[in-house]
């Protein structure tokens, strides 16, 4: 009686896992490889998502406010958000990260203005403030990152956000002034 080799017997008893353990494959590269920390990856993704929201918001504003100062601002916002997304894609690639694209829902769900009403200038500006505030929070969280590229991008974004907030404050103060001038003077008490 011949003695069967040990490996085929173990394979019969324990299955193909024994073969894989006996012949280890060379180490694989990780599926996801980046030089960024988790916080930095979250920053890139969050900034990409918020710039997509700004693009959609600007498109809605251009439809609802086709002329004047708000239309010009919506065009400016569109250009700024496109530039942000392009810079984020470059930044991600430089750091070994797959550049985040549009989330699947962005491709399948069309942007539409709310049914039955027009988007008001004040709603548009309030939403810009909300999105830009979220971006500032992301910038604060990433803080003293080791990545010089992210620090430079964040510094440029702070300037862009400040410019937007200054513009919105100027428009809001003009609107408040116009509203107060159009209100009739209060009648003196008798």
N, C-alpha and C. Protein backbone atom coordinates (compact mmCIF):
# COMPACT_ATOMS: atom_id res chain seq x y z
N UNK A 1 0.84 -1.18 0.00
CA UNK A 1 0.00 0.00 0.00
C UNK A 1 0.88 1.23 0.00
N UNK A 2 0.56 2.13 -0.93
CA UNK A 2 1.32 3.37 -1.05
C UNK A 2 0.73 4.43 -0.13
N UNK A 3 1.60 5.27 0.36
CA UNK A 3 1.14 6.39 1.20
C UNK A 3 0.90 7.57 0.27
N UNK A 4 -0.30 8.09 0.30
CA UNK A 4 -0.64 9.24 -0.53
C UNK A 4 0.08 10.48 -0.01
N UNK A 5 0.47 11.33 -0.92
CA UNK A 5 1.11 12.57 -0.46
C UNK A 5 0.16 13.33 0.47
N UNK A 6 0.74 14.01 1.41
CA UNK A 6 -0.01 14.69 2.45
C UNK A 6 -0.89 15.84 1.91
N UNK A 7 -0.41 16.63 0.97
CA UNK A 7 -1.15 17.79 0.47
C UNK A 7 -2.47 17.40 -0.18
N UNK A 8 -2.52 16.39 -1.07
CA UNK A 8 -3.82 16.03 -1.64
C UNK A 8 -4.82 15.53 -0.60
N UNK A 9 -4.33 14.84 0.41
CA UNK A 9 -5.24 14.35 1.46
C UNK A 9 -5.82 15.53 2.24
N UNK A 10 -4.96 16.48 2.58
CA UNK A 10 -5.45 17.66 3.29
C UNK A 10 -6.44 18.44 2.43
N UNK A 11 -6.16 18.50 1.15
CA UNK A 11 -7.07 19.20 0.24
C UNK A 11 -8.43 18.53 0.23
N UNK A 12 -8.43 17.20 0.21
CA UNK A 12 -9.70 16.49 0.24
C UNK A 12 -10.45 16.73 1.54
N UNK A 13 -9.71 16.78 2.63
CA UNK A 13 -10.34 16.97 3.93
C UNK A 13 -10.79 18.42 4.17
N UNK A 14 -9.94 19.37 3.81
CA UNK A 14 -10.22 20.77 4.18
C UNK A 14 -10.55 21.68 3.01
N UNK A 15 -10.49 21.20 1.82
CA UNK A 15 -10.88 21.99 0.67
C UNK A 15 -9.73 22.80 0.07
N UNK A 16 -10.04 23.64 -0.91
CA UNK A 16 -9.02 24.38 -1.64
C UNK A 16 -8.28 25.42 -0.79
N UNK A 17 -8.78 25.73 0.37
CA UNK A 17 -8.10 26.71 1.22
C UNK A 17 -6.70 26.23 1.59
N UNK A 18 -6.53 24.92 1.69
CA UNK A 18 -5.21 24.36 2.03
C UNK A 18 -4.23 24.66 0.91
N UNK A 19 -4.68 24.55 -0.34
CA UNK A 19 -3.79 24.84 -1.48
C UNK A 19 -3.37 26.31 -1.47
N UNK A 20 -4.32 27.17 -1.19
CA UNK A 20 -3.99 28.61 -1.16
C UNK A 20 -3.01 28.91 -0.02
N UNK A 21 -3.18 28.25 1.11
CA UNK A 21 -2.28 28.48 2.24
C UNK A 21 -0.90 27.91 1.96
N UNK A 22 -0.84 26.80 1.24
CA UNK A 22 0.44 26.18 0.93
C UNK A 22 1.22 26.96 -0.11
N UNK A 23 0.54 27.66 -0.97
CA UNK A 23 1.19 28.42 -2.03
C UNK A 23 0.78 29.89 -1.90
N UNK A 24 1.39 30.61 -0.97
CA UNK A 24 0.95 31.99 -0.78
C UNK A 24 1.25 32.84 -2.02
N UNK A 25 0.27 33.63 -2.40
CA UNK A 25 0.42 34.53 -3.53
C UNK A 25 1.27 35.71 -3.10
N UNK A 26 1.90 36.37 -4.06
CA UNK A 26 2.67 37.55 -3.70
C UNK A 26 1.74 38.61 -3.10
N UNK A 27 2.26 39.45 -2.23
CA UNK A 27 1.38 40.47 -1.62
C UNK A 27 0.77 41.36 -2.69
N UNK A 28 -0.50 41.65 -2.50
CA UNK A 28 -1.23 42.51 -3.44
C UNK A 28 -1.13 43.96 -3.01
N UNK A 29 -1.28 44.81 -4.01
CA UNK A 29 -1.40 46.23 -3.70
C UNK A 29 -2.79 46.45 -3.12
N UNK A 30 -2.93 47.38 -2.20
CA UNK A 30 -4.27 47.64 -1.67
C UNK A 30 -5.18 48.17 -2.78
N UNK A 31 -6.46 47.88 -2.65
CA UNK A 31 -7.41 48.36 -3.64
C UNK A 31 -7.51 49.88 -3.63
N UNK A 32 -7.42 50.45 -2.45
CA UNK A 32 -7.48 51.90 -2.32
C UNK A 32 -6.15 52.36 -1.77
N UNK A 33 -5.49 53.21 -2.52
CA UNK A 33 -4.19 53.69 -2.08
C UNK A 33 -4.15 55.20 -2.22
N UNK A 34 -3.80 55.86 -1.17
CA UNK A 34 -3.70 57.31 -1.20
C UNK A 34 -2.69 57.76 -0.17
N UNK A 35 -2.15 58.92 -0.40
CA UNK A 35 -1.24 59.51 0.58
C UNK A 35 -1.99 60.41 1.54
N UNK A 36 -3.29 60.45 1.43
CA UNK A 36 -4.11 61.31 2.28
C UNK A 36 -4.63 60.54 3.48
N UNK A 37 -4.78 61.26 4.59
CA UNK A 37 -5.40 60.66 5.78
C UNK A 37 -6.91 60.60 5.55
N UNK A 38 -7.60 59.89 6.42
CA UNK A 38 -9.05 59.80 6.31
C UNK A 38 -9.72 61.17 6.38
N UNK A 39 -9.20 62.04 7.23
CA UNK A 39 -9.74 63.39 7.35
C UNK A 39 -9.56 64.17 6.06
N UNK A 40 -8.41 64.01 5.43
CA UNK A 40 -8.14 64.71 4.17
C UNK A 40 -9.02 64.16 3.04
N UNK A 41 -9.23 62.85 3.02
CA UNK A 41 -10.11 62.25 2.01
C UNK A 41 -11.53 62.78 2.20
N UNK A 42 -11.98 62.84 3.45
CA UNK A 42 -13.31 63.39 3.74
C UNK A 42 -13.40 64.84 3.27
N UNK A 43 -12.33 65.60 3.45
CA UNK A 43 -12.29 66.99 3.01
C UNK A 43 -12.48 67.07 1.50
N UNK A 44 -11.71 66.29 0.76
CA UNK A 44 -11.80 66.33 -0.71
C UNK A 44 -13.20 65.93 -1.16
N UNK A 45 -13.73 64.88 -0.59
CA UNK A 45 -15.08 64.44 -0.97
C UNK A 45 -16.14 65.47 -0.59
N UNK A 46 -16.04 66.02 0.62
CA UNK A 46 -17.01 67.02 1.06
C UNK A 46 -16.97 68.28 0.22
N UNK A 47 -15.78 68.73 -0.12
CA UNK A 47 -15.65 69.93 -0.96
C UNK A 47 -16.18 69.66 -2.37
N UNK A 48 -15.95 68.45 -2.87
CA UNK A 48 -16.45 68.08 -4.19
C UNK A 48 -17.98 68.06 -4.19
N UNK A 49 -18.56 67.46 -3.17
CA UNK A 49 -20.03 67.42 -3.08
C UNK A 49 -20.62 68.82 -2.96
N UNK A 50 -20.00 69.67 -2.15
CA UNK A 50 -20.55 71.02 -1.97
C UNK A 50 -20.41 71.84 -3.25
N UNK A 51 -19.34 71.64 -4.01
CA UNK A 51 -19.22 72.39 -5.26
C UNK A 51 -20.26 71.90 -6.27
N UNK A 52 -20.62 70.62 -6.21
CA UNK A 52 -21.70 70.12 -7.06
C UNK A 52 -23.03 70.77 -6.68
N UNK A 53 -23.27 70.91 -5.38
CA UNK A 53 -24.50 71.58 -4.93
C UNK A 53 -24.53 73.03 -5.40
N UNK A 54 -23.38 73.70 -5.37
CA UNK A 54 -23.33 75.09 -5.85
C UNK A 54 -23.63 75.16 -7.34
N UNK A 55 -23.13 74.20 -8.11
CA UNK A 55 -23.43 74.17 -9.55
C UNK A 55 -24.92 74.03 -9.79
N UNK A 56 -25.55 73.12 -9.07
CA UNK A 56 -26.99 72.92 -9.23
C UNK A 56 -27.78 74.15 -8.79
N UNK A 57 -27.38 74.72 -7.68
CA UNK A 57 -28.05 75.91 -7.17
C UNK A 57 -27.93 77.07 -8.16
N UNK A 58 -26.74 77.25 -8.70
CA UNK A 58 -26.54 78.32 -9.68
C UNK A 58 -27.40 78.10 -10.92
N UNK A 59 -27.54 76.85 -11.35
CA UNK A 59 -28.39 76.55 -12.51
C UNK A 59 -29.85 76.91 -12.22
N UNK A 60 -30.32 76.58 -11.01
CA UNK A 60 -31.69 76.94 -10.63
C UNK A 60 -31.87 78.45 -10.60
N UNK A 61 -30.87 79.14 -10.07
CA UNK A 61 -30.95 80.60 -9.97
C UNK A 61 -30.96 81.23 -11.36
N UNK A 62 -30.17 80.69 -12.27
CA UNK A 62 -30.15 81.25 -13.63
C UNK A 62 -31.49 81.09 -14.31
N UNK A 63 -32.20 79.99 -14.02
CA UNK A 63 -33.54 79.79 -14.58
C UNK A 63 -34.54 80.76 -13.96
N UNK A 64 -34.46 80.93 -12.65
CA UNK A 64 -35.45 81.73 -11.93
C UNK A 64 -35.15 83.23 -11.99
N UNK A 65 -33.88 83.58 -12.05
CA UNK A 65 -33.46 84.98 -12.03
C UNK A 65 -32.61 85.24 -13.27
N UNK A 66 -33.25 85.26 -14.47
CA UNK A 66 -32.48 85.27 -15.71
C UNK A 66 -31.72 86.56 -16.02
N UNK A 67 -32.04 87.64 -15.35
CA UNK A 67 -31.39 88.91 -15.68
C UNK A 67 -30.92 89.61 -14.41
N UNK A 68 -29.97 90.50 -14.61
CA UNK A 68 -29.56 91.37 -13.52
C UNK A 68 -28.40 90.84 -12.70
N UNK A 69 -28.26 91.44 -11.54
CA UNK A 69 -27.13 91.17 -10.66
C UNK A 69 -27.09 89.72 -10.20
N UNK A 70 -28.24 89.14 -9.90
CA UNK A 70 -28.27 87.75 -9.42
C UNK A 70 -27.91 86.78 -10.53
N UNK A 71 -28.31 87.06 -11.75
CA UNK A 71 -27.94 86.20 -12.88
C UNK A 71 -26.42 86.26 -13.09
N UNK A 72 -25.86 87.45 -12.97
CA UNK A 72 -24.41 87.59 -13.10
C UNK A 72 -23.69 86.83 -11.97
N UNK A 73 -24.23 86.94 -10.76
CA UNK A 73 -23.63 86.23 -9.63
C UNK A 73 -23.76 84.72 -9.82
N UNK A 74 -24.90 84.26 -10.31
CA UNK A 74 -25.09 82.83 -10.56
C UNK A 74 -24.08 82.33 -11.59
N UNK A 75 -23.82 83.12 -12.63
CA UNK A 75 -22.79 82.74 -13.61
C UNK A 75 -21.42 82.69 -12.96
N UNK A 76 -21.12 83.66 -12.13
CA UNK A 76 -19.85 83.70 -11.42
C UNK A 76 -19.72 82.49 -10.49
N UNK A 77 -20.79 82.15 -9.82
CA UNK A 77 -20.80 81.01 -8.92
C UNK A 77 -20.58 79.70 -9.69
N UNK A 78 -21.20 79.61 -10.86
CA UNK A 78 -21.01 78.44 -11.71
C UNK A 78 -19.54 78.28 -12.09
N UNK A 79 -18.93 79.37 -12.53
CA UNK A 79 -17.52 79.32 -12.92
C UNK A 79 -16.63 78.95 -11.74
N UNK A 80 -16.91 79.53 -10.58
CA UNK A 80 -16.11 79.23 -9.38
C UNK A 80 -16.26 77.76 -8.98
N UNK A 81 -17.47 77.23 -9.01
CA UNK A 81 -17.70 75.84 -8.62
C UNK A 81 -17.04 74.88 -9.62
N UNK A 82 -17.08 75.20 -10.90
CA UNK A 82 -16.41 74.36 -11.90
C UNK A 82 -14.90 74.37 -11.67
N UNK A 83 -14.36 75.53 -11.36
CA UNK A 83 -12.93 75.62 -11.08
C UNK A 83 -12.56 74.84 -9.81
N UNK A 84 -13.41 74.95 -8.79
CA UNK A 84 -13.19 74.18 -7.55
C UNK A 84 -13.14 72.69 -7.85
N UNK A 85 -14.10 72.21 -8.62
CA UNK A 85 -14.16 70.78 -8.94
C UNK A 85 -12.94 70.35 -9.74
N UNK A 86 -12.51 71.17 -10.68
CA UNK A 86 -11.32 70.82 -11.47
C UNK A 86 -10.08 70.78 -10.58
N UNK A 87 -9.94 71.76 -9.71
CA UNK A 87 -8.78 71.79 -8.79
C UNK A 87 -8.81 70.62 -7.82
N UNK A 88 -9.99 70.25 -7.36
CA UNK A 88 -10.11 69.10 -6.46
C UNK A 88 -9.75 67.80 -7.17
N UNK A 89 -10.13 67.67 -8.43
CA UNK A 89 -9.78 66.47 -9.19
C UNK A 89 -8.26 66.37 -9.36
N UNK A 90 -7.62 67.49 -9.65
CA UNK A 90 -6.15 67.51 -9.78
C UNK A 90 -5.51 67.17 -8.44
N UNK A 91 -5.99 67.80 -7.39
CA UNK A 91 -5.48 67.55 -6.03
C UNK A 91 -5.59 66.08 -5.66
N UNK A 92 -6.74 65.50 -5.94
CA UNK A 92 -6.96 64.09 -5.61
C UNK A 92 -6.00 63.19 -6.38
N UNK A 93 -5.85 63.44 -7.67
CA UNK A 93 -4.94 62.63 -8.48
C UNK A 93 -3.50 62.75 -8.00
N UNK A 94 -3.08 63.98 -7.65
CA UNK A 94 -1.72 64.19 -7.16
C UNK A 94 -1.44 63.42 -5.87
N UNK A 95 -2.48 63.22 -5.08
CA UNK A 95 -2.32 62.55 -3.79
C UNK A 95 -2.61 61.05 -3.88
N UNK A 96 -2.76 60.54 -5.09
CA UNK A 96 -2.98 59.11 -5.25
C UNK A 96 -4.40 58.67 -4.98
N UNK A 97 -5.32 59.59 -5.04
CA UNK A 97 -6.72 59.27 -4.76
C UNK A 97 -7.50 59.34 -6.06
N UNK A 98 -8.45 58.47 -6.22
CA UNK A 98 -9.33 58.56 -7.38
C UNK A 98 -10.14 59.83 -7.23
N UNK A 99 -10.14 60.63 -8.27
CA UNK A 99 -10.87 61.89 -8.20
C UNK A 99 -12.35 61.62 -8.05
N UNK A 100 -12.97 62.20 -7.02
CA UNK A 100 -14.40 61.97 -6.84
C UNK A 100 -15.17 62.63 -7.97
N UNK A 101 -16.13 61.93 -8.49
CA UNK A 101 -16.97 62.47 -9.55
C UNK A 101 -18.34 62.76 -9.02
N UNK A 102 -19.28 62.87 -9.92
CA UNK A 102 -20.66 63.08 -9.50
C UNK A 102 -21.16 61.81 -8.84
N UNK A 103 -21.83 61.94 -7.70
CA UNK A 103 -22.42 60.75 -7.11
C UNK A 103 -23.46 60.18 -8.06
N UNK A 104 -23.76 58.88 -8.01
CA UNK A 104 -24.72 58.29 -8.95
C UNK A 104 -26.04 59.06 -8.99
N UNK A 105 -26.50 59.55 -7.85
CA UNK A 105 -27.78 60.26 -7.83
C UNK A 105 -27.71 61.54 -8.65
N UNK A 106 -26.52 62.14 -8.76
CA UNK A 106 -26.40 63.38 -9.52
C UNK A 106 -26.65 63.14 -11.00
N UNK A 107 -26.36 61.94 -11.47
CA UNK A 107 -26.53 61.65 -12.88
C UNK A 107 -27.95 61.21 -13.20
N UNK A 108 -28.65 60.68 -12.24
CA UNK A 108 -29.96 60.12 -12.50
C UNK A 108 -31.11 61.01 -12.06
N UNK A 109 -30.88 61.91 -11.14
CA UNK A 109 -31.95 62.77 -10.65
C UNK A 109 -31.75 64.18 -11.21
N UNK A 110 -32.65 64.63 -12.07
CA UNK A 110 -32.47 65.96 -12.64
C UNK A 110 -32.72 67.04 -11.60
N UNK A 111 -32.00 68.14 -11.76
CA UNK A 111 -32.24 69.28 -10.88
C UNK A 111 -33.47 70.01 -11.41
N UNK A 112 -34.41 70.26 -10.52
CA UNK A 112 -35.61 70.97 -10.91
C UNK A 112 -35.96 71.97 -9.84
N UNK A 113 -36.54 73.07 -10.27
CA UNK A 113 -36.99 74.02 -9.26
C UNK A 113 -38.29 73.51 -8.66
N UNK A 114 -38.57 73.92 -7.43
CA UNK A 114 -39.79 73.45 -6.77
C UNK A 114 -41.02 73.78 -7.60
N UNK A 115 -41.94 72.83 -7.65
CA UNK A 115 -43.17 73.00 -8.43
C UNK A 115 -44.01 74.15 -7.88
N UNK A 116 -44.57 74.94 -8.77
CA UNK A 116 -45.56 75.93 -8.41
C UNK A 116 -45.04 77.23 -7.81
N UNK A 117 -43.74 77.40 -7.71
CA UNK A 117 -43.26 78.68 -7.18
C UNK A 117 -41.88 78.99 -7.75
N UNK A 118 -41.60 80.24 -7.74
CA UNK A 118 -40.33 80.72 -8.27
C UNK A 118 -39.32 80.81 -7.12
N UNK A 119 -38.09 80.50 -7.42
CA UNK A 119 -37.04 80.61 -6.41
C UNK A 119 -36.74 82.09 -6.22
N UNK A 120 -36.78 82.51 -4.99
CA UNK A 120 -36.54 83.91 -4.67
C UNK A 120 -35.05 84.17 -4.48
N UNK A 121 -34.68 85.40 -4.69
CA UNK A 121 -33.29 85.83 -4.52
C UNK A 121 -32.80 85.53 -3.11
N UNK A 122 -33.63 85.81 -2.12
CA UNK A 122 -33.23 85.59 -0.73
C UNK A 122 -32.99 84.10 -0.44
N UNK A 123 -33.80 83.22 -1.03
CA UNK A 123 -33.59 81.78 -0.86
C UNK A 123 -32.27 81.34 -1.48
N UNK A 124 -32.01 81.86 -2.65
CA UNK A 124 -30.77 81.55 -3.36
C UNK A 124 -29.56 81.95 -2.51
N UNK A 125 -29.57 83.18 -2.02
CA UNK A 125 -28.45 83.67 -1.23
C UNK A 125 -28.31 82.91 0.09
N UNK A 126 -29.43 82.57 0.72
CA UNK A 126 -29.38 81.82 1.97
C UNK A 126 -28.77 80.44 1.75
N UNK A 127 -29.09 79.82 0.64
CA UNK A 127 -28.54 78.50 0.34
C UNK A 127 -27.04 78.59 0.03
N UNK A 128 -26.62 79.64 -0.66
CA UNK A 128 -25.19 79.84 -0.90
C UNK A 128 -24.46 79.98 0.44
N UNK A 129 -25.04 80.75 1.34
CA UNK A 129 -24.42 80.93 2.67
C UNK A 129 -24.32 79.59 3.39
N UNK A 130 -25.38 78.79 3.33
CA UNK A 130 -25.36 77.48 4.00
C UNK A 130 -24.26 76.58 3.43
N UNK A 131 -24.16 76.51 2.12
CA UNK A 131 -23.15 75.64 1.49
C UNK A 131 -21.75 76.15 1.79
N UNK A 132 -21.56 77.46 1.66
CA UNK A 132 -20.23 78.01 1.93
C UNK A 132 -19.85 77.84 3.41
N UNK A 133 -20.83 77.90 4.30
CA UNK A 133 -20.55 77.66 5.73
C UNK A 133 -20.11 76.22 5.96
N UNK A 134 -20.74 75.28 5.27
CA UNK A 134 -20.32 73.89 5.36
C UNK A 134 -18.88 73.73 4.87
N UNK A 135 -18.55 74.44 3.80
CA UNK A 135 -17.18 74.37 3.29
C UNK A 135 -16.19 74.93 4.30
N UNK A 136 -16.55 76.01 4.96
CA UNK A 136 -15.66 76.57 5.99
C UNK A 136 -15.45 75.57 7.13
N UNK A 137 -16.50 74.84 7.50
CA UNK A 137 -16.36 73.83 8.55
C UNK A 137 -15.39 72.73 8.11
N UNK A 138 -15.49 72.32 6.85
CA UNK A 138 -14.56 71.31 6.33
C UNK A 138 -13.12 71.82 6.36
N UNK A 139 -12.95 73.08 6.00
CA UNK A 139 -11.61 73.68 6.01
C UNK A 139 -11.06 73.72 7.43
N UNK A 140 -11.90 74.08 8.39
CA UNK A 140 -11.46 74.11 9.78
C UNK A 140 -11.10 72.72 10.28
N UNK A 141 -11.88 71.69 9.89
CA UNK A 141 -11.59 70.33 10.33
C UNK A 141 -10.25 69.84 9.79
N UNK A 142 -9.94 70.19 8.54
CA UNK A 142 -8.70 69.69 7.95
C UNK A 142 -7.49 70.44 8.54
N UNK A 143 -7.73 71.63 9.05
CA UNK A 143 -6.75 72.41 9.82
C UNK A 143 -5.32 72.31 9.40
N UNK A 144 -4.49 71.82 10.28
CA UNK A 144 -3.04 71.78 10.06
C UNK A 144 -2.64 70.46 9.40
N UNK A 145 -3.18 70.21 8.24
CA UNK A 145 -2.87 68.99 7.51
C UNK A 145 -1.40 68.95 7.10
N UNK A 146 -0.90 67.77 6.89
CA UNK A 146 0.48 67.60 6.44
C UNK A 146 0.60 67.88 4.94
N UNK A 147 -0.51 67.84 4.22
CA UNK A 147 -0.50 68.00 2.77
C UNK A 147 -0.46 69.48 2.40
N UNK A 148 0.64 69.87 1.79
CA UNK A 148 0.78 71.26 1.35
C UNK A 148 -0.26 71.60 0.29
N UNK A 149 -0.57 70.65 -0.59
CA UNK A 149 -1.56 70.88 -1.65
C UNK A 149 -2.92 71.21 -1.05
N UNK A 150 -3.31 70.46 -0.01
CA UNK A 150 -4.61 70.72 0.62
C UNK A 150 -4.59 72.05 1.35
N UNK A 151 -3.48 72.37 2.02
CA UNK A 151 -3.39 73.67 2.70
C UNK A 151 -3.53 74.81 1.70
N UNK A 152 -2.88 74.70 0.55
CA UNK A 152 -2.97 75.75 -0.48
C UNK A 152 -4.38 75.86 -1.03
N UNK A 153 -5.00 74.71 -1.30
CA UNK A 153 -6.38 74.73 -1.80
C UNK A 153 -7.32 75.35 -0.77
N UNK A 154 -7.16 74.95 0.48
CA UNK A 154 -8.02 75.48 1.55
C UNK A 154 -7.86 76.99 1.69
N UNK A 155 -6.62 77.48 1.59
CA UNK A 155 -6.38 78.93 1.70
C UNK A 155 -7.06 79.67 0.55
N UNK A 156 -6.98 79.12 -0.65
CA UNK A 156 -7.65 79.75 -1.80
C UNK A 156 -9.16 79.72 -1.63
N UNK A 157 -9.68 78.63 -1.07
CA UNK A 157 -11.12 78.52 -0.86
C UNK A 157 -11.62 79.52 0.18
N UNK A 158 -10.83 79.77 1.22
CA UNK A 158 -11.22 80.75 2.22
C UNK A 158 -11.41 82.11 1.55
N UNK A 159 -10.52 82.46 0.66
CA UNK A 159 -10.62 83.75 -0.06
C UNK A 159 -11.89 83.77 -0.92
N UNK A 160 -12.16 82.70 -1.63
CA UNK A 160 -13.36 82.63 -2.48
C UNK A 160 -14.62 82.74 -1.63
N UNK A 161 -14.65 82.02 -0.53
CA UNK A 161 -15.82 82.05 0.36
C UNK A 161 -16.01 83.45 0.95
N UNK A 162 -14.92 84.09 1.36
CA UNK A 162 -15.02 85.45 1.89
C UNK A 162 -15.58 86.40 0.84
N UNK A 163 -15.13 86.28 -0.40
CA UNK A 163 -15.65 87.13 -1.48
C UNK A 163 -17.16 86.92 -1.66
N UNK A 164 -17.60 85.66 -1.63
CA UNK A 164 -19.04 85.38 -1.76
C UNK A 164 -19.82 85.99 -0.61
N UNK A 165 -19.32 85.83 0.61
CA UNK A 165 -20.05 86.34 1.77
C UNK A 165 -20.09 87.87 1.79
N UNK A 166 -19.02 88.51 1.33
CA UNK A 166 -19.02 89.98 1.23
C UNK A 166 -20.06 90.43 0.21
N UNK A 167 -20.12 89.76 -0.94
CA UNK A 167 -21.11 90.11 -1.95
C UNK A 167 -22.52 89.94 -1.40
N UNK A 168 -22.77 88.82 -0.74
CA UNK A 168 -24.11 88.56 -0.20
C UNK A 168 -24.47 89.59 0.86
N UNK A 169 -23.51 89.97 1.70
CA UNK A 169 -23.77 90.99 2.72
C UNK A 169 -24.11 92.32 2.06
N UNK A 170 -23.41 92.67 1.00
CA UNK A 170 -23.67 93.92 0.27
C UNK A 170 -25.07 93.91 -0.33
N UNK A 171 -25.44 92.82 -0.98
CA UNK A 171 -26.77 92.70 -1.59
C UNK A 171 -27.85 92.75 -0.51
N UNK A 172 -27.62 92.06 0.59
CA UNK A 172 -28.61 92.05 1.67
C UNK A 172 -28.80 93.43 2.29
N UNK A 173 -27.70 94.14 2.49
CA UNK A 173 -27.84 95.48 3.09
C UNK A 173 -28.55 96.43 2.13
N UNK A 174 -28.30 96.30 0.84
CA UNK A 174 -29.02 97.14 -0.14
C UNK A 174 -30.51 96.80 -0.14
N UNK A 175 -30.84 95.50 -0.04
CA UNK A 175 -32.24 95.09 -0.02
C UNK A 175 -32.95 95.60 1.24
N UNK A 176 -32.25 95.54 2.38
CA UNK A 176 -32.84 96.06 3.62
C UNK A 176 -33.05 97.56 3.53
N UNK A 177 -32.10 98.26 2.97
CA UNK A 177 -32.21 99.71 2.83
C UNK A 177 -33.38 100.06 1.91
N UNK A 178 -33.51 99.36 0.80
CA UNK A 178 -34.60 99.62 -0.14
C UNK A 178 -35.95 99.31 0.51
N UNK A 179 -36.00 98.25 1.30
CA UNK A 179 -37.26 97.90 1.98
C UNK A 179 -37.64 98.94 3.02
N UNK A 180 -36.66 99.45 3.74
CA UNK A 180 -36.97 100.45 4.76
C UNK A 180 -37.38 101.78 4.14
N UNK A 181 -36.84 102.11 2.98
CA UNK A 181 -37.20 103.35 2.31
C UNK A 181 -38.58 103.27 1.68
N UNK A 182 -39.01 102.05 1.30
CA UNK A 182 -40.32 101.91 0.67
C UNK A 182 -41.46 101.79 1.67
N UNK A 183 -41.15 101.55 2.94
CA UNK A 183 -42.20 101.47 3.96
C UNK A 183 -42.70 102.86 4.29
N UNK A 184 -44.02 103.03 4.39
CA UNK A 184 -44.56 104.34 4.74
C UNK A 184 -44.17 104.68 6.18
N UNK A 185 -43.98 105.96 6.39
CA UNK A 185 -43.61 106.41 7.74
C UNK A 185 -44.74 106.09 8.71
N UNK A 186 -44.39 105.73 9.91
CA UNK A 186 -45.38 105.38 10.92
C UNK A 186 -46.16 106.64 11.31
N UNK A 187 -47.46 106.46 11.52
CA UNK A 187 -48.31 107.59 11.92
C UNK A 187 -48.03 107.90 13.37
N UNK A 188 -47.95 109.20 13.70
CA UNK A 188 -47.77 109.55 15.10
C UNK A 188 -48.99 109.17 15.92
N UNK A 189 -48.76 108.80 17.15
CA UNK A 189 -49.85 108.39 18.04
C UNK A 189 -50.68 109.60 18.40
N UNK A 190 -51.96 109.44 18.44
CA UNK A 190 -52.85 110.56 18.76
C UNK A 190 -53.21 110.60 20.19
